[in-house]
Amino acid sequence: MIGTLELYGDLFAELDRLQQSVEQAFRPGGASSIRALPRRTFPVINVGSTPDAIEVLALVPGVDPDELQITIDKGLLVIAGERKDDAPSGNENIAVYAQERFKGAFRRVVSLPDDADPARIAASCRDGLLRVTVARREASKPRQIAVS
């Protein structure tokens, strides 16, 4: 009987791995600057642009803004930090049946377009929403040419 349970456990683990591989293979790619990611990626981010800047929004609830590290190097924006475990401790009578909230260190990398200006970057965090704004280079912006 135990051998049968082990077989099913291995089978389900293999099916889960296969499903993840298929999902990753058929995930829309192309022009997206967000890399292919596993299912439990933290923080969730949105990347967009305006004529003046590239905007990155990251949902970081429960993360102290002072603990976030934001760096930019060679066209890559890196958001890193750690989310602490806020579960009550010291009570051995609590049995956890499901845990979906991420805890631990994280790191997200966003590829920036060539016209991003790494010298003009701003970041703010309020109510668990991190906003990183990277200005575009002035030379890349459209401009009106006067005809004389």
C-alpha atoms as a PDB file:
ATOM      1  CA  MET A   1       0.000   0.000   0.000  1.00  0.00           C
ATOM      2  CA  ILE A   2       2.786   2.438   0.847  1.00  0.00           C
ATOM      3  CA  GLY A   3       4.433   1.769  -2.510  1.00  0.00           C
ATOM      4  CA  THR A   4       1.181   2.743  -4.263  1.00  0.00           C
ATOM      5  CA  LEU A   5       0.967   6.043  -2.323  1.00  0.00           C
ATOM      6  CA  GLU A   6       4.569   6.872  -3.197  1.00  0.00           C
ATOM      7  CA  LEU A   7       3.838   6.122  -6.858  1.00  0.00           C
ATOM      8  CA  TYR A   8       0.837   8.488  -6.877  1.00  0.00           C
ATOM      9  CA  GLY A   9       2.855  11.181  -5.069  1.00  0.00           C
ATOM     10  CA  ASP A  10       5.608  10.948  -7.693  1.00  0.00           C
ATOM     11  CA  LEU A  11       3.034  10.895 -10.501  1.00  0.00           C
ATOM     12  CA  PHE A  12       1.282  14.042  -9.236  1.00  0.00           C
ATOM     13  CA  ALA A  13       4.599  15.839  -8.763  1.00  0.00           C
ATOM     14  CA  GLU A  14       5.584  14.936 -12.324  1.00  0.00           C
ATOM     15  CA  LEU A  15       2.191  16.081 -13.682  1.00  0.00           C
ATOM     16  CA  ASP A  16       2.562  19.412 -11.846  1.00  0.00           C
ATOM     17  CA  ARG A  17       6.065  19.880 -13.326  1.00  0.00           C
ATOM     18  CA  LEU A  18       4.743  19.045 -16.802  1.00  0.00           C
ATOM     19  CA  GLN A  19       1.841  21.508 -16.435  1.00  0.00           C
ATOM     20  CA  GLN A  20       4.242  24.289 -15.392  1.00  0.00           C
ATOM     21  CA  SER A  21       6.463  23.552 -18.406  1.00  0.00           C
ATOM     22  CA  VAL A  22       3.499  23.688 -20.795  1.00  0.00           C
ATOM     23  CA  GLU A  23       2.213  26.939 -19.245  1.00  0.00           C
ATOM     24  CA  GLN A  24       5.657  28.512 -19.565  1.00  0.00           C
ATOM     25  CA  ALA A  25       6.026  27.361 -23.177  1.00  0.00           C
ATOM     26  CA  PHE A  26       2.692  28.899 -24.224  1.00  0.00           C
ATOM     27  CA  ARG A  27       2.945  32.057 -22.102  1.00  0.00           C
ATOM     28  CA  PRO A  28       2.719  35.108 -24.369  1.00  0.00           C
ATOM     29  CA  GLY A  29       6.163  36.557 -24.913  1.00  0.00           C
ATOM     30  CA  GLY A  30       7.541  38.769 -27.584  1.00  0.00           C
ATOM     31  CA  ALA A  31       7.869  42.465 -26.808  1.00  0.00           C
ATOM     32  CA  SER A  32       7.233  42.095 -23.074  1.00  0.00           C
ATOM     33  CA  SER A  33      10.060  43.322 -20.875  1.00  0.00           C
ATOM     34  CA  ILE A  34       8.971  41.082 -18.026  1.00  0.00           C
ATOM     35  CA  ARG A  35      10.823  37.784 -18.037  1.00  0.00           C
ATOM     36  CA  ALA A  36       8.982  34.438 -18.030  1.00  0.00           C
ATOM     37  CA  LEU A  37       8.226  33.763 -14.389  1.00  0.00           C
ATOM     38  CA  PRO A  38       7.064  30.930 -12.192  1.00  0.00           C
ATOM     39  CA  ARG A  39       3.547  31.052 -10.791  1.00  0.00           C
ATOM     40  CA  ARG A  40       4.436  32.413  -7.352  1.00  0.00           C
ATOM     41  CA  THR A  41       6.371  35.514  -8.344  1.00  0.00           C
ATOM     42  CA  PHE A  42       6.572  38.419  -5.929  1.00  0.00           C
ATOM     43  CA  PRO A  43       6.102  41.287  -6.312  1.00  0.00           C
ATOM     44  CA  VAL A  44       3.555  41.464  -9.088  1.00  0.00           C
ATOM     45  CA  ILE A  45       4.521  44.283 -11.456  1.00  0.00           C
ATOM     46  CA  ASN A  46       3.064  46.328 -14.292  1.00  0.00           C
ATOM     47  CA  VAL A  47       5.302  48.102 -16.796  1.00  0.00           C
ATOM     48  CA  GLY A  48       4.057  50.907 -19.016  1.00  0.00           C
ATOM     49  CA  SER A  49       5.269  54.024 -20.730  1.00  0.00           C
ATOM     50  CA  THR A  50       4.335  57.602 -21.453  1.00  0.00           C
ATOM     51  CA  PRO A  51       6.009  59.904 -23.964  1.00  0.00           C
ATOM     52  CA  ASP A  52       8.199  61.192 -21.105  1.00  0.00           C
ATOM     53  CA  ALA A  53       8.943  58.129 -18.967  1.00  0.00           C
ATOM     54  CA  ILE A  54       8.819  54.402 -18.323  1.00  0.00           C
ATOM     55  CA  GLU A  55       6.598  53.541 -15.336  1.00  0.00           C
ATOM     56  CA  VAL A  56       7.029  50.410 -13.224  1.00  0.00           C
ATOM     57  CA  LEU A  57       4.398  49.661 -10.581  1.00  0.00           C
ATOM     58  CA  ALA A  58       5.076  46.890  -8.073  1.00  0.00           C
ATOM     59  CA  LEU A  59       2.632  45.608  -5.473  1.00  0.00           C
ATOM     60  CA  VAL A  60       4.676  45.242  -2.272  1.00  0.00           C
ATOM     61  CA  PRO A  61       2.181  44.981   0.612  1.00  0.00           C
ATOM     62  CA  GLY A  62       3.807  44.231   3.929  1.00  0.00           C
ATOM     63  CA  VAL A  63       7.249  45.371   2.795  1.00  0.00           C
ATOM     64  CA  ASP A  64       8.966  48.232   4.627  1.00  0.00           C
ATOM     65  CA  PRO A  65       9.857  50.855   1.965  1.00  0.00           C
ATOM     66  CA  ASP A  66      13.207  51.413   3.719  1.00  0.00           C
ATOM     67  CA  GLU A  67      14.062  47.758   3.061  1.00  0.00           C
ATOM     68  CA  LEU A  68      13.597  48.008  -0.736  1.00  0.00           C
ATOM     69  CA  GLN A  69      16.692  48.163  -2.931  1.00  0.00           C
ATOM     70  CA  ILE A  70      16.227  49.651  -6.384  1.00  0.00           C
ATOM     71  CA  THR A  71      19.171  49.641  -8.763  1.00  0.00           C
ATOM     72  CA  ILE A  72      19.637  50.304 -12.439  1.00  0.00           C
ATOM     73  CA  ASP A  73      22.593  49.012 -14.431  1.00  0.00           C
ATOM     74  CA  LYS A  74      23.160  48.326 -18.131  1.00  0.00           C
ATOM     75  CA  GLY A  75      19.517  48.777 -19.042  1.00  0.00           C
ATOM     76  CA  LEU A  76      18.172  46.577 -16.244  1.00  0.00           C
ATOM     77  CA  LEU A  77      16.025  47.853 -13.390  1.00  0.00           C
ATOM     78  CA  VAL A  78      16.296  45.610 -10.315  1.00  0.00           C
ATOM     79  CA  ILE A  79      13.783  45.699  -7.459  1.00  0.00           C
ATOM     80  CA  ALA A  80      14.879  43.627  -4.461  1.00  0.00           C
ATOM     81  CA  GLY A  81      13.936  43.292  -0.819  1.00  0.00           C
ATOM     82  CA  GLU A  82      12.499  40.973   1.764  1.00  0.00           C
ATOM     83  CA  ARG A  83       9.005  40.380   3.030  1.00  0.00           C
ATOM     84  CA  LYS A  84       8.954  39.360   6.684  1.00  0.00           C
ATOM     85  CA  ASP A  85       6.756  36.615   8.072  1.00  0.00           C
ATOM     86  CA  ASP A  86       3.904  38.277   9.942  1.00  0.00           C
ATOM     87  CA  ALA A  87       2.225  35.075  11.137  1.00  0.00           C
ATOM     88  CA  PRO A  88       1.704  34.898  14.882  1.00  0.00           C
ATOM     89  CA  SER A  89       4.550  33.071  16.559  1.00  0.00           C
ATOM     90  CA  GLY A  90       4.881  31.362  19.894  1.00  0.00           C
ATOM     91  CA  ASN A  91       1.525  29.592  19.695  1.00  0.00           C
ATOM     92  CA  GLU A  92       2.038  25.908  18.999  1.00  0.00           C
ATOM     93  CA  ASN A  93      -1.725  25.299  18.854  1.00  0.00           C
ATOM     94  CA  ILE A  94      -2.012  26.957  15.428  1.00  0.00           C
ATOM     95  CA  ALA A  95      -2.071  24.506  12.525  1.00  0.00           C
ATOM     96  CA  VAL A  96      -1.507  26.021   9.073  1.00  0.00           C
ATOM     97  CA  TYR A  97      -3.559  24.295   6.361  1.00  0.00           C
ATOM     98  CA  ALA A  98      -2.725  26.581   3.468  1.00  0.00           C
ATOM     99  CA  GLN A  99      -0.179  29.328   3.030  1.00  0.00           C
ATOM    100  CA  GLU A 100      -0.304  31.404  -0.133  1.00  0.00           C
ATOM    101  CA  ARG A 101       1.233  34.630   1.144  1.00  0.00           C
ATOM    102  CA  PHE A 102       4.845  34.971   0.043  1.00  0.00           C
ATOM    103  CA  LYS A 103       7.556  35.563   2.632  1.00  0.00           C
ATOM    104  CA  GLY A 104      11.304  35.857   2.194  1.00  0.00           C
ATOM    105  CA  ALA A 105      13.753  37.581  -0.116  1.00  0.00           C
ATOM    106  CA  PHE A 106      12.666  38.631  -3.607  1.00  0.00           C
ATOM    107  CA  ARG A 107      14.205  40.142  -6.705  1.00  0.00           C
ATOM    108  CA  ARG A 108      12.543  41.310  -9.933  1.00  0.00           C
ATOM    109  CA  VAL A 109      14.403  42.428 -13.038  1.00  0.00           C
ATOM    110  CA  VAL A 110      12.851  44.627 -15.725  1.00  0.00           C
ATOM    111  CA  SER A 111      14.572  45.266 -19.037  1.00  0.00           C
ATOM    112  CA  LEU A 112      14.386  48.967 -19.937  1.00  0.00           C
ATOM    113  CA  PRO A 113      14.265  50.407 -23.471  1.00  0.00           C
ATOM    114  CA  ASP A 114      17.374  52.046 -24.924  1.00  0.00           C
ATOM    115  CA  ASP A 115      15.970  55.557 -24.498  1.00  0.00           C
ATOM    116  CA  ALA A 116      15.626  55.219 -20.694  1.00  0.00           C
ATOM    117  CA  ASP A 117      17.796  57.729 -18.810  1.00  0.00           C
ATOM    118  CA  PRO A 118      19.356  56.001 -15.771  1.00  0.00           C
ATOM    119  CA  ALA A 119      20.417  59.371 -14.362  1.00  0.00           C
ATOM    120  CA  ARG A 120      16.767  60.449 -13.985  1.00  0.00           C
ATOM    121  CA  ILE A 121      14.979  57.841 -11.914  1.00  0.00           C
ATOM    122  CA  ALA A 122      12.523  58.383  -9.063  1.00  0.00           C
ATOM    123  CA  ALA A 123      10.810  55.938  -6.720  1.00  0.00           C
ATOM    124  CA  SER A 124       8.016  56.269  -4.198  1.00  0.00           C
ATOM    125  CA  CYS A 125       6.123  53.752  -2.084  1.00  0.00           C
ATOM    126  CA  ARG A 126       2.713  54.323  -0.539  1.00  0.00           C
ATOM    127  CA  ASP A 127       0.133  51.859   0.773  1.00  0.00           C
ATOM    128  CA  GLY A 128       2.044  48.866  -0.592  1.00  0.00           C
ATOM    129  CA  LEU A 129       2.388  50.281  -4.115  1.00  0.00           C
ATOM    130  CA  LEU A 130       5.922  50.989  -5.338  1.00  0.00           C
ATOM    131  CA  ARG A 131       6.141  53.380  -8.277  1.00  0.00           C
ATOM    132  CA  VAL A 132       9.447  53.655 -10.159  1.00  0.00           C
ATOM    133  CA  THR A 133       9.646  56.284 -12.890  1.00  0.00           C
ATOM    134  CA  VAL A 134      12.553  56.298 -15.319  1.00  0.00           C
ATOM    135  CA  ALA A 135      12.628  59.378 -17.545  1.00  0.00           C
ATOM    136  CA  ARG A 136      13.296  59.089 -21.255  1.00  0.00           C
ATOM    137  CA  ARG A 137      16.358  60.765 -22.758  1.00  0.00           C
ATOM    138  CA  GLU A 138      15.581  64.192 -24.183  1.00  0.00           C
ATOM    139  CA  ALA A 139      17.211  63.275 -27.500  1.00  0.00           C
ATOM    140  CA  SER A 140      14.733  60.449 -28.029  1.00  0.00           C
ATOM    141  CA  LYS A 141      11.601  62.560 -27.542  1.00  0.00           C
ATOM    142  CA  PRO A 142       9.772  63.850 -30.597  1.00  0.00           C
ATOM    143  CA  ARG A 143      10.251  67.553 -31.210  1.00  0.00           C
ATOM    144  CA  GLN A 144       8.737  70.108 -33.527  1.00  0.00           C
ATOM    145  CA  ILE A 145      11.051  71.649 -36.107  1.00  0.00           C
ATOM    146  CA  ALA A 146      10.212  75.164 -37.239  1.00  0.00           C
ATOM    147  CA  VAL A 147      10.347  75.770 -40.962  1.00  0.00           C
ATOM    148  CA  SER A 148      11.772  79.147 -41.960  1.00  0.00           C
END
